[in-house]
PDB file of all heavy atoms in Angstrom:
ATOM      1  N   SER A   1      67.070  -4.889  77.868  1.00  0.00           N
ATOM      2  CA  SER A   1      66.479  -6.285  78.094  1.00  0.00           C
ATOM      3  C   SER A   1      65.316  -6.608  77.406  1.00  0.00           C
ATOM      4  O   SER A   1      65.147  -7.563  76.942  1.00  0.00           O
ATOM      5  CB  SER A   1      66.314  -6.454  79.649  1.00  0.00           C
ATOM      6  OG  SER A   1      65.318  -5.621  80.151  1.00  0.00           O
ATOM      7  N   VAL A   2      64.329  -5.614  77.212  1.00  0.00           N
ATOM      8  CA  VAL A   2      63.193  -5.939  76.523  1.00  0.00           C
ATOM      9  C   VAL A   2      63.468  -6.191  75.063  1.00  0.00           C
ATOM     10  O   VAL A   2      62.922  -7.079  74.443  1.00  0.00           O
ATOM     11  CB  VAL A   2      62.156  -4.706  76.604  1.00  0.00           C
ATOM     12  CG1 VAL A   2      60.946  -4.904  75.698  1.00  0.00           C
ATOM     13  CG2 VAL A   2      61.733  -4.516  78.043  1.00  0.00           C
ATOM     14  N   ASN A   3      64.342  -5.463  74.500  1.00  0.00           N
ATOM     15  CA  ASN A   3      64.654  -5.628  73.085  1.00  0.00           C
ATOM     16  C   ASN A   3      65.363  -6.863  72.885  1.00  0.00           C
ATOM     17  O   ASN A   3      65.135  -7.696  71.879  1.00  0.00           O
ATOM     18  CB  ASN A   3      65.624  -4.442  72.717  1.00  0.00           C
ATOM     19  CG  ASN A   3      65.947  -4.539  71.183  1.00  0.00           C
ATOM     20  OD1 ASN A   3      65.001  -4.536  70.346  1.00  0.00           O
ATOM     21  ND2 ASN A   3      67.107  -4.551  70.925  1.00  0.00           N
ATOM     22  N   ALA A   4      66.240  -7.440  73.846  1.00  0.00           N
ATOM     23  CA  ALA A   4      66.942  -8.681  73.644  1.00  0.00           C
ATOM     24  C   ALA A   4      65.934  -9.783  73.822  1.00  0.00           C
ATOM     25  O   ALA A   4      66.079 -10.747  72.993  1.00  0.00           O
ATOM     26  CB  ALA A   4      67.919  -8.800  74.872  1.00  0.00           C
ATOM     27  N   ASP A   5      64.891  -9.625  74.598  1.00  0.00           N
ATOM     28  CA  ASP A   5      63.840 -10.823  74.710  1.00  0.00           C
ATOM     29  C   ASP A   5      63.095 -10.859  73.438  1.00  0.00           C
ATOM     30  O   ASP A   5      62.730 -11.921  72.974  1.00  0.00           O
ATOM     31  CB  ASP A   5      62.978 -10.628  75.982  1.00  0.00           C
ATOM     32  CG  ASP A   5      63.631 -10.931  77.188  1.00  0.00           C
ATOM     33  OD1 ASP A   5      64.708 -11.488  77.211  1.00  0.00           O
ATOM     34  OD2 ASP A   5      63.196 -10.435  78.284  1.00  0.00           O
ATOM     35  N   SER A   6      62.755  -9.721  72.852  1.00  0.00           N
ATOM     36  CA  SER A   6      61.950  -9.732  71.624  1.00  0.00           C
ATOM     37  C   SER A   6      62.773 -10.419  70.391  1.00  0.00           C
ATOM     38  O   SER A   6      62.001 -10.850  69.520  1.00  0.00           O
ATOM     39  CB  SER A   6      61.474  -8.332  71.223  1.00  0.00           C
ATOM     40  OG  SER A   6      62.674  -7.547  70.882  1.00  0.00           O
ATOM     41  N   MET A   7      64.078 -10.381  70.483  1.00  0.00           N
ATOM     42  CA  MET A   7      64.865 -10.908  69.370  1.00  0.00           C
ATOM     43  C   MET A   7      64.811 -12.410  69.453  1.00  0.00           C
ATOM     44  O   MET A   7      65.190 -13.217  68.518  1.00  0.00           O
ATOM     45  CB  MET A   7      66.285 -10.525  69.456  1.00  0.00           C
ATOM     46  CG  MET A   7      66.495  -8.952  69.164  1.00  0.00           C
ATOM     47  SD  MET A   7      66.093  -8.697  67.420  1.00  0.00           S
ATOM     48  CE  MET A   7      67.533  -9.497  66.671  1.00  0.00           C
ATOM     49  N   ASN A   8      64.316 -12.947  70.585  1.00  0.00           N
ATOM     50  CA  ASN A   8      64.482 -14.576  70.741  1.00  0.00           C
ATOM     51  C   ASN A   8      63.569 -15.310  69.745  1.00  0.00           C
ATOM     52  O   ASN A   8      63.768 -16.316  69.356  1.00  0.00           O
ATOM     53  CB  ASN A   8      63.982 -14.855  72.248  1.00  0.00           C
ATOM     54  CG  ASN A   8      64.332 -16.289  72.488  1.00  0.00           C
ATOM     55  OD1 ASN A   8      65.535 -16.667  72.502  1.00  0.00           O
ATOM     56  ND2 ASN A   8      63.346 -17.131  72.755  1.00  0.00           N
ATOM     57  N   GLN A   9      62.504 -14.756  69.170  1.00  0.00           N
ATOM     58  CA  GLN A   9      61.574 -15.316  68.271  1.00  0.00           C
ATOM     59  C   GLN A   9      61.498 -14.763  66.958  1.00  0.00           C
ATOM     60  O   GLN A   9      60.433 -14.636  66.345  1.00  0.00           O
ATOM     61  CB  GLN A   9      60.142 -15.423  68.878  1.00  0.00           C
ATOM     62  CG  GLN A   9      59.531 -14.234  69.426  1.00  0.00           C
ATOM     63  CD  GLN A   9      59.934 -14.009  70.807  1.00  0.00           C
ATOM     64  OE1 GLN A   9      60.591 -14.683  71.554  1.00  0.00           O
ATOM     65  NE2 GLN A   9      59.349 -12.859  71.334  1.00  0.00           N
ATOM     66  N   LYS A  10      62.602 -14.270  66.480  1.00  0.00           N
ATOM     67  CA  LYS A  10      62.659 -13.577  65.119  1.00  0.00           C
ATOM     68  C   LYS A  10      62.747 -14.563  64.049  1.00  0.00           C
ATOM     69  O   LYS A  10      62.250 -14.259  62.975  1.00  0.00           O
ATOM     70  CB  LYS A  10      63.776 -12.612  65.054  1.00  0.00           C
ATOM     71  CG  LYS A  10      63.650 -11.317  65.933  1.00  0.00           C
ATOM     72  CD  LYS A  10      62.559 -10.428  65.307  1.00  0.00           C
ATOM     73  CE  LYS A  10      62.486  -9.159  66.035  1.00  0.00           C
ATOM     74  NZ  LYS A  10      61.315  -8.227  65.471  1.00  0.00           N
ATOM     75  N   GLN A  11      63.507 -15.723  64.261  1.00  0.00           N
ATOM     76  CA  GLN A  11      63.727 -16.662  63.092  1.00  0.00           C
ATOM     77  C   GLN A  11      63.253 -17.959  63.438  1.00  0.00           C
ATOM     78  O   GLN A  11      63.286 -18.475  64.656  1.00  0.00           O
ATOM     79  CB  GLN A  11      65.299 -16.631  62.826  1.00  0.00           C
ATOM     80  CG  GLN A  11      65.595 -17.632  61.648  1.00  0.00           C
ATOM     81  CD  GLN A  11      67.058 -17.570  61.291  1.00  0.00           C
ATOM     82  OE1 GLN A  11      67.902 -16.916  61.927  1.00  0.00           O
ATOM     83  NE2 GLN A  11      67.434 -18.331  60.335  1.00  0.00           N
ATOM     84  N   TYR A  12      62.486 -18.625  62.538  1.00  0.00           N
ATOM     85  CA  TYR A  12      61.874 -19.881  62.669  1.00  0.00           C
ATOM     86  C   TYR A  12      62.475 -20.966  61.643  1.00  0.00           C
ATOM     87  O   TYR A  12      62.302 -22.022  61.966  1.00  0.00           O
ATOM     88  CB  TYR A  12      60.344 -19.738  62.583  1.00  0.00           C
ATOM     89  CG  TYR A  12      59.688 -18.892  63.586  1.00  0.00           C
ATOM     90  CD1 TYR A  12      59.495 -17.582  63.340  1.00  0.00           C
ATOM     91  CD2 TYR A  12      59.330 -19.287  64.740  1.00  0.00           C
ATOM     92  CE1 TYR A  12      58.907 -16.611  64.247  1.00  0.00           C
ATOM     93  CE2 TYR A  12      58.675 -18.528  65.769  1.00  0.00           C
ATOM     94  CZ  TYR A  12      58.462 -17.230  65.480  1.00  0.00           C
ATOM     95  OH  TYR A  12      57.824 -16.324  66.354  1.00  0.00           O
ATOM     96  N   ILE A  13      62.921 -20.473  60.525  1.00  0.00           N
ATOM     97  CA  ILE A  13      63.351 -21.325  59.507  1.00  0.00           C
ATOM     98  C   ILE A  13      64.823 -21.291  59.329  1.00  0.00           C
ATOM     99  O   ILE A  13      65.421 -20.218  58.970  1.00  0.00           O
ATOM    100  CB  ILE A  13      62.763 -21.015  58.114  1.00  0.00           C
ATOM    101  CG1 ILE A  13      61.145 -20.867  58.353  1.00  0.00           C
ATOM    102  CG2 ILE A  13      62.985 -22.122  57.137  1.00  0.00           C
ATOM    103  CD1 ILE A  13      60.531 -22.230  58.821  1.00  0.00           C
ATOM    104  N   TYR A  14      65.663 -22.336  59.593  1.00  0.00           N
ATOM    105  CA  TYR A  14      66.915 -22.480  59.513  1.00  0.00           C
ATOM    106  C   TYR A  14      67.410 -23.406  58.222  1.00  0.00           C
ATOM    107  O   TYR A  14      67.515 -24.548  58.494  1.00  0.00           O
ATOM    108  CB  TYR A  14      67.632 -22.928  60.660  1.00  0.00           C
ATOM    109  CG  TYR A  14      67.509 -21.923  61.850  1.00  0.00           C
ATOM    110  CD1 TYR A  14      66.373 -21.849  62.660  1.00  0.00           C
ATOM    111  CD2 TYR A  14      68.630 -21.084  62.225  1.00  0.00           C
ATOM    112  CE1 TYR A  14      66.277 -20.983  63.660  1.00  0.00           C
ATOM    113  CE2 TYR A  14      68.497 -20.183  63.227  1.00  0.00           C
ATOM    114  CZ  TYR A  14      67.240 -20.143  63.958  1.00  0.00           C
ATOM    115  OH  TYR A  14      67.177 -19.248  65.075  1.00  0.00           O
ATOM    116  N   ASP A  15      67.339 -22.862  57.048  1.00  0.00           N
ATOM    117  CA  ASP A  15      67.512 -23.734  55.927  1.00  0.00           C
ATOM    118  C   ASP A  15      69.062 -23.795  55.511  1.00  0.00           C
ATOM    119  O   ASP A  15      69.582 -23.300  54.414  1.00  0.00           O
ATOM    120  CB  ASP A  15      66.834 -23.125  54.707  1.00  0.00           C
ATOM    121  CG  ASP A  15      66.710 -23.950  53.457  1.00  0.00           C
ATOM    122  OD1 ASP A  15      66.992 -25.228  53.663  1.00  0.00           O
ATOM    123  OD2 ASP A  15      66.660 -23.491  52.358  1.00  0.00           O
ATOM    124  N   TYR A  16      69.834 -24.579  56.420  1.00  0.00           N
ATOM    125  CA  TYR A  16      71.310 -24.628  56.030  1.00  0.00           C
ATOM    126  C   TYR A  16      71.524 -25.478  54.895  1.00  0.00           C
ATOM    127  O   TYR A  16      72.615 -25.291  54.208  1.00  0.00           O
ATOM    128  CB  TYR A  16      71.886 -25.390  57.317  1.00  0.00           C
ATOM    129  CG  TYR A  16      71.782 -24.593  58.617  1.00  0.00           C
ATOM    130  CD1 TYR A  16      71.452 -25.198  59.857  1.00  0.00           C
ATOM    131  CD2 TYR A  16      72.057 -23.194  58.721  1.00  0.00           C
ATOM    132  CE1 TYR A  16      71.432 -24.402  60.992  1.00  0.00           C
ATOM    133  CE2 TYR A  16      72.102 -22.397  59.898  1.00  0.00           C
ATOM    134  CZ  TYR A  16      71.636 -23.141  60.917  1.00  0.00           C
ATOM    135  OH  TYR A  16      71.547 -22.342  62.214  1.00  0.00           O
ATOM    136  N   ALA A  17      70.504 -26.416  54.565  1.00  0.00           N
ATOM    137  CA  ALA A  17      70.822 -27.250  53.240  1.00  0.00           C
ATOM    138  C   ALA A  17      70.394 -26.538  52.074  1.00  0.00           C
ATOM    139  O   ALA A  17      70.558 -27.061  50.917  1.00  0.00           O
ATOM    140  CB  ALA A  17      70.042 -28.537  53.511  1.00  0.00           C
ATOM    141  N   GLU A  18      69.820 -25.342  52.117  1.00  0.00           N
ATOM    142  CA  GLU A  18      69.481 -24.504  51.051  1.00  0.00           C
ATOM    143  C   GLU A  18      68.442 -25.231  50.066  1.00  0.00           C
ATOM    144  O   GLU A  18      68.634 -25.390  48.979  1.00  0.00           O
ATOM    145  CB  GLU A  18      70.568 -24.076  50.257  1.00  0.00           C
ATOM    146  CG  GLU A  18      71.581 -23.199  50.988  1.00  0.00           C
ATOM    147  CD  GLU A  18      72.819 -22.693  50.307  1.00  0.00           C
ATOM    148  OE1 GLU A  18      72.905 -23.201  48.961  1.00  0.00           O
ATOM    149  OE2 GLU A  18      73.540 -21.783  50.750  1.00  0.00           O
ATOM    150  N   LEU A  19      67.415 -25.768  50.725  1.00  0.00           N
ATOM    151  CA  LEU A  19      66.405 -26.537  50.022  1.00  0.00           C
ATOM    152  C   LEU A  19      65.179 -25.618  49.482  1.00  0.00           C
ATOM    153  O   LEU A  19      64.421 -25.971  48.651  1.00  0.00           O
ATOM    154  CB  LEU A  19      65.750 -27.619  50.880  1.00  0.00           C
ATOM    155  CG  LEU A  19      66.691 -28.593  51.467  1.00  0.00           C
ATOM    156  CD1 LEU A  19      66.011 -29.550  52.343  1.00  0.00           C
ATOM    157  CD2 LEU A  19      67.464 -29.382  50.366  1.00  0.00           C
ATOM    158  N   LEU A  20      65.148 -24.436  50.014  1.00  0.00           N
ATOM    159  CA  LEU A  20      64.040 -23.473  49.801  1.00  0.00           C
ATOM    160  C   LEU A  20      64.545 -22.272  49.177  1.00  0.00           C
ATOM    161  O   LEU A  20      65.635 -21.833  49.308  1.00  0.00           O
ATOM    162  CB  LEU A  20      63.290 -23.117  51.048  1.00  0.00           C
ATOM    163  CG  LEU A  20      62.907 -24.242  52.002  1.00  0.00           C
ATOM    164  CD1 LEU A  20      62.449 -23.772  53.370  1.00  0.00           C
ATOM    165  CD2 LEU A  20      61.611 -24.979  51.363  1.00  0.00           C
ATOM    166  N   SER A  21      63.664 -21.643  48.229  1.00  0.00           N
ATOM    167  CA  SER A  21      63.835 -20.384  47.650  1.00  0.00           C
ATOM    168  C   SER A  21      63.706 -19.306  48.756  1.00  0.00           C
ATOM    169  O   SER A  21      63.131 -19.530  49.757  1.00  0.00           O
ATOM    170  CB  SER A  21      62.955 -20.137  46.437  1.00  0.00           C
ATOM    171  OG  SER A  21      61.576 -20.041  46.941  1.00  0.00           O
ATOM    172  N   GLU A  22      64.058 -18.003  48.377  1.00  0.00           N
ATOM    173  CA  GLU A  22      63.917 -17.001  49.345  1.00  0.00           C
ATOM    174  C   GLU A  22      62.509 -16.694  49.636  1.00  0.00           C
ATOM    175  O   GLU A  22      62.158 -16.398  50.658  1.00  0.00           O
ATOM    176  CB  GLU A  22      64.659 -15.650  48.810  1.00  0.00           C
ATOM    177  CG  GLU A  22      66.065 -15.767  48.798  1.00  0.00           C
ATOM    178  CD  GLU A  22      66.709 -14.437  48.234  1.00  0.00           C
ATOM    179  OE1 GLU A  22      65.981 -13.469  48.075  1.00  0.00           O
ATOM    180  OE2 GLU A  22      68.050 -14.473  48.026  1.00  0.00           O
ATOM    181  N   THR A  23      61.629 -16.787  48.586  1.00  0.00           N
ATOM    182  CA  THR A  23      60.221 -16.601  48.591  1.00  0.00           C
ATOM    183  C   THR A  23      59.588 -17.654  49.575  1.00  0.00           C
ATOM    184  O   THR A  23      58.807 -17.342  50.426  1.00  0.00           O
ATOM    185  CB  THR A  23      59.467 -16.546  47.389  1.00  0.00           C
ATOM    186  OG1 THR A  23      60.122 -15.553  46.522  1.00  0.00           O
ATOM    187  CG2 THR A  23      58.025 -16.326  47.444  1.00  0.00           C
ATOM    188  N   GLU A  24      59.994 -18.844  49.404  1.00  0.00           N
ATOM    189  CA  GLU A  24      59.481 -19.938  50.258  1.00  0.00           C
ATOM    190  C   GLU A  24      59.837 -19.746  51.670  1.00  0.00           C
ATOM    191  O   GLU A  24      59.093 -20.037  52.657  1.00  0.00           O
ATOM    192  CB  GLU A  24      59.960 -21.215  49.665  1.00  0.00           C
ATOM    193  CG  GLU A  24      59.304 -21.671  48.434  1.00  0.00           C
ATOM    194  CD  GLU A  24      59.898 -22.928  47.826  1.00  0.00           C
ATOM    195  OE1 GLU A  24      61.151 -23.323  48.134  1.00  0.00           O
ATOM    196  OE2 GLU A  24      59.177 -23.547  47.035  1.00  0.00           O
ATOM    197  N   VAL A  25      61.011 -19.328  51.916  1.00  0.00           N
ATOM    198  CA  VAL A  25      61.452 -19.074  53.357  1.00  0.00           C
ATOM    199  C   VAL A  25      60.751 -17.896  53.992  1.00  0.00           C
ATOM    200  O   VAL A  25      60.168 -18.070  55.160  1.00  0.00           O
ATOM    201  CB  VAL A  25      63.044 -18.720  53.311  1.00  0.00           C
ATOM    202  CG1 VAL A  25      63.352 -18.185  54.789  1.00  0.00           C
ATOM    203  CG2 VAL A  25      63.832 -19.843  52.962  1.00  0.00           C
ATOM    204  N   GLU A  26      60.392 -16.907  53.145  1.00  0.00           N
ATOM    205  CA  GLU A  26      59.661 -15.804  53.680  1.00  0.00           C
ATOM    206  C   GLU A  26      58.186 -16.190  54.102  1.00  0.00           C
ATOM    207  O   GLU A  26      57.760 -15.784  55.023  1.00  0.00           O
ATOM    208  CB  GLU A  26      59.712 -14.707  52.614  1.00  0.00           C
ATOM    209  CG  GLU A  26      60.934 -13.937  52.475  1.00  0.00           C
ATOM    210  CD  GLU A  26      60.974 -12.975  51.338  1.00  0.00           C
ATOM    211  OE1 GLU A  26      59.891 -12.745  50.782  1.00  0.00           O
ATOM    212  OE2 GLU A  26      62.077 -12.339  51.170  1.00  0.00           O
ATOM    213  N   GLU A  27      57.710 -17.072  53.192  1.00  0.00           N
ATOM    214  CA  GLU A  27      56.367 -17.464  53.417  1.00  0.00           C
ATOM    215  C   GLU A  27      56.197 -18.429  54.581  1.00  0.00           C
ATOM    216  O   GLU A  27      55.277 -18.318  55.424  1.00  0.00           O
ATOM    217  CB  GLU A  27      55.766 -18.309  52.127  1.00  0.00           C
ATOM    218  CG  GLU A  27      55.491 -17.361  50.960  1.00  0.00           C
ATOM    219  CD  GLU A  27      54.957 -18.168  49.771  1.00  0.00           C
ATOM    220  OE1 GLU A  27      54.439 -19.338  50.071  1.00  0.00           O
ATOM    221  OE2 GLU A  27      54.931 -17.677  48.683  1.00  0.00           O
ATOM    222  N   LEU A  28      57.175 -19.322  54.753  1.00  0.00           N
ATOM    223  CA  LEU A  28      57.190 -20.164  56.047  1.00  0.00           C
ATOM    224  C   LEU A  28      57.419 -19.374  57.221  1.00  0.00           C
ATOM    225  O   LEU A  28      56.868 -19.834  58.292  1.00  0.00           O
ATOM    226  CB  LEU A  28      58.211 -21.278  55.808  1.00  0.00           C
ATOM    227  CG  LEU A  28      57.898 -22.414  54.782  1.00  0.00           C
ATOM    228  CD1 LEU A  28      59.062 -23.317  54.568  1.00  0.00           C
ATOM    229  CD2 LEU A  28      56.701 -23.083  55.166  1.00  0.00           C
ATOM    230  N   GLU A  29      58.364 -18.438  57.163  1.00  0.00           N
ATOM    231  CA  GLU A  29      58.574 -17.485  58.339  1.00  0.00           C
ATOM    232  C   GLU A  29      57.445 -16.825  58.697  1.00  0.00           C
ATOM    233  O   GLU A  29      57.023 -16.751  60.010  1.00  0.00           O
ATOM    234  CB  GLU A  29      59.700 -16.540  57.984  1.00  0.00           C
ATOM    235  CG  GLU A  29      61.073 -17.022  57.936  1.00  0.00           C
ATOM    236  CD  GLU A  29      61.745 -17.229  59.279  1.00  0.00           C
ATOM    237  OE1 GLU A  29      61.100 -17.059  60.337  1.00  0.00           O
ATOM    238  OE2 GLU A  29      62.895 -17.708  59.368  1.00  0.00           O
ATOM    239  N   SER A  30      56.640 -16.242  57.711  1.00  0.00           N
ATOM    240  CA  SER A  30      55.270 -15.544  58.117  1.00  0.00           C
ATOM    241  C   SER A  30      54.269 -16.488  58.678  1.00  0.00           C
ATOM    242  O   SER A  30      53.567 -16.164  59.667  1.00  0.00           O
ATOM    243  CB  SER A  30      54.917 -14.933  56.824  1.00  0.00           C
ATOM    244  OG  SER A  30      53.568 -14.325  57.062  1.00  0.00           O
ATOM    245  N   LEU A  31      54.062 -17.777  58.158  1.00  0.00           N
ATOM    246  CA  LEU A  31      53.238 -18.719  58.587  1.00  0.00           C
ATOM    247  C   LEU A  31      53.573 -19.153  59.970  1.00  0.00           C
ATOM    248  O   LEU A  31      52.696 -19.243  60.846  1.00  0.00           O
ATOM    249  CB  LEU A  31      53.253 -19.941  57.650  1.00  0.00           C
ATOM    250  CG  LEU A  31      52.365 -21.123  58.161  1.00  0.00           C
ATOM    251  CD1 LEU A  31      50.863 -20.710  58.170  1.00  0.00           C
ATOM    252  CD2 LEU A  31      52.569 -22.327  57.161  1.00  0.00           C
ATOM    253  N   SER A  32      54.823 -19.510  60.092  1.00  0.00           N
ATOM    254  CA  SER A  32      55.279 -19.938  61.500  1.00  0.00           C
ATOM    255  C   SER A  32      55.063 -18.882  62.614  1.00  0.00           C
ATOM    256  O   SER A  32      54.734 -19.125  63.710  1.00  0.00           O
ATOM    257  CB  SER A  32      56.711 -20.382  61.546  1.00  0.00           C
ATOM    258  OG  SER A  32      57.024 -21.077  62.772  1.00  0.00           O
ATOM    259  N   SER A  33      55.425 -17.599  62.122  1.00  0.00           N
ATOM    260  CA  SER A  33      55.200 -16.529  63.161  1.00  0.00           C
ATOM    261  C   SER A  33      53.802 -16.266  63.623  1.00  0.00           C
ATOM    262  O   SER A  33      53.536 -16.006  64.761  1.00  0.00           O
ATOM    263  CB  SER A  33      55.770 -15.193  62.524  1.00  0.00           C
ATOM    264  OG  SER A  33      55.552 -14.054  63.345  1.00  0.00           O
ATOM    265  N   GLU A  34      52.920 -16.343  62.580  1.00  0.00           N
ATOM    266  CA  GLU A  34      51.501 -16.173  62.874  1.00  0.00           C
ATOM    267  C   GLU A  34      51.003 -17.318  63.805  1.00  0.00           C
ATOM    268  O   GLU A  34      50.311 -17.079  64.865  1.00  0.00           O
ATOM    269  CB  GLU A  34      50.637 -16.150  61.596  1.00  0.00           C
ATOM    270  CG  GLU A  34      49.127 -16.049  61.817  1.00  0.00           C
ATOM    271  CD  GLU A  34      48.290 -16.109  60.506  1.00  0.00           C
ATOM    272  OE1 GLU A  34      49.062 -16.098  59.440  1.00  0.00           O
ATOM    273  OE2 GLU A  34      47.285 -16.191  60.573  1.00  0.00           O
TER     274      GLU A  34
END
């Protein structure tokens, strides 16, 4: 159960329209996580 809860905030950027590069997604994920 602890592992399941920790998975809840793993992803912040859902770029379904593919507007961002992989590097940009990683930077935004890191910024949002922090």
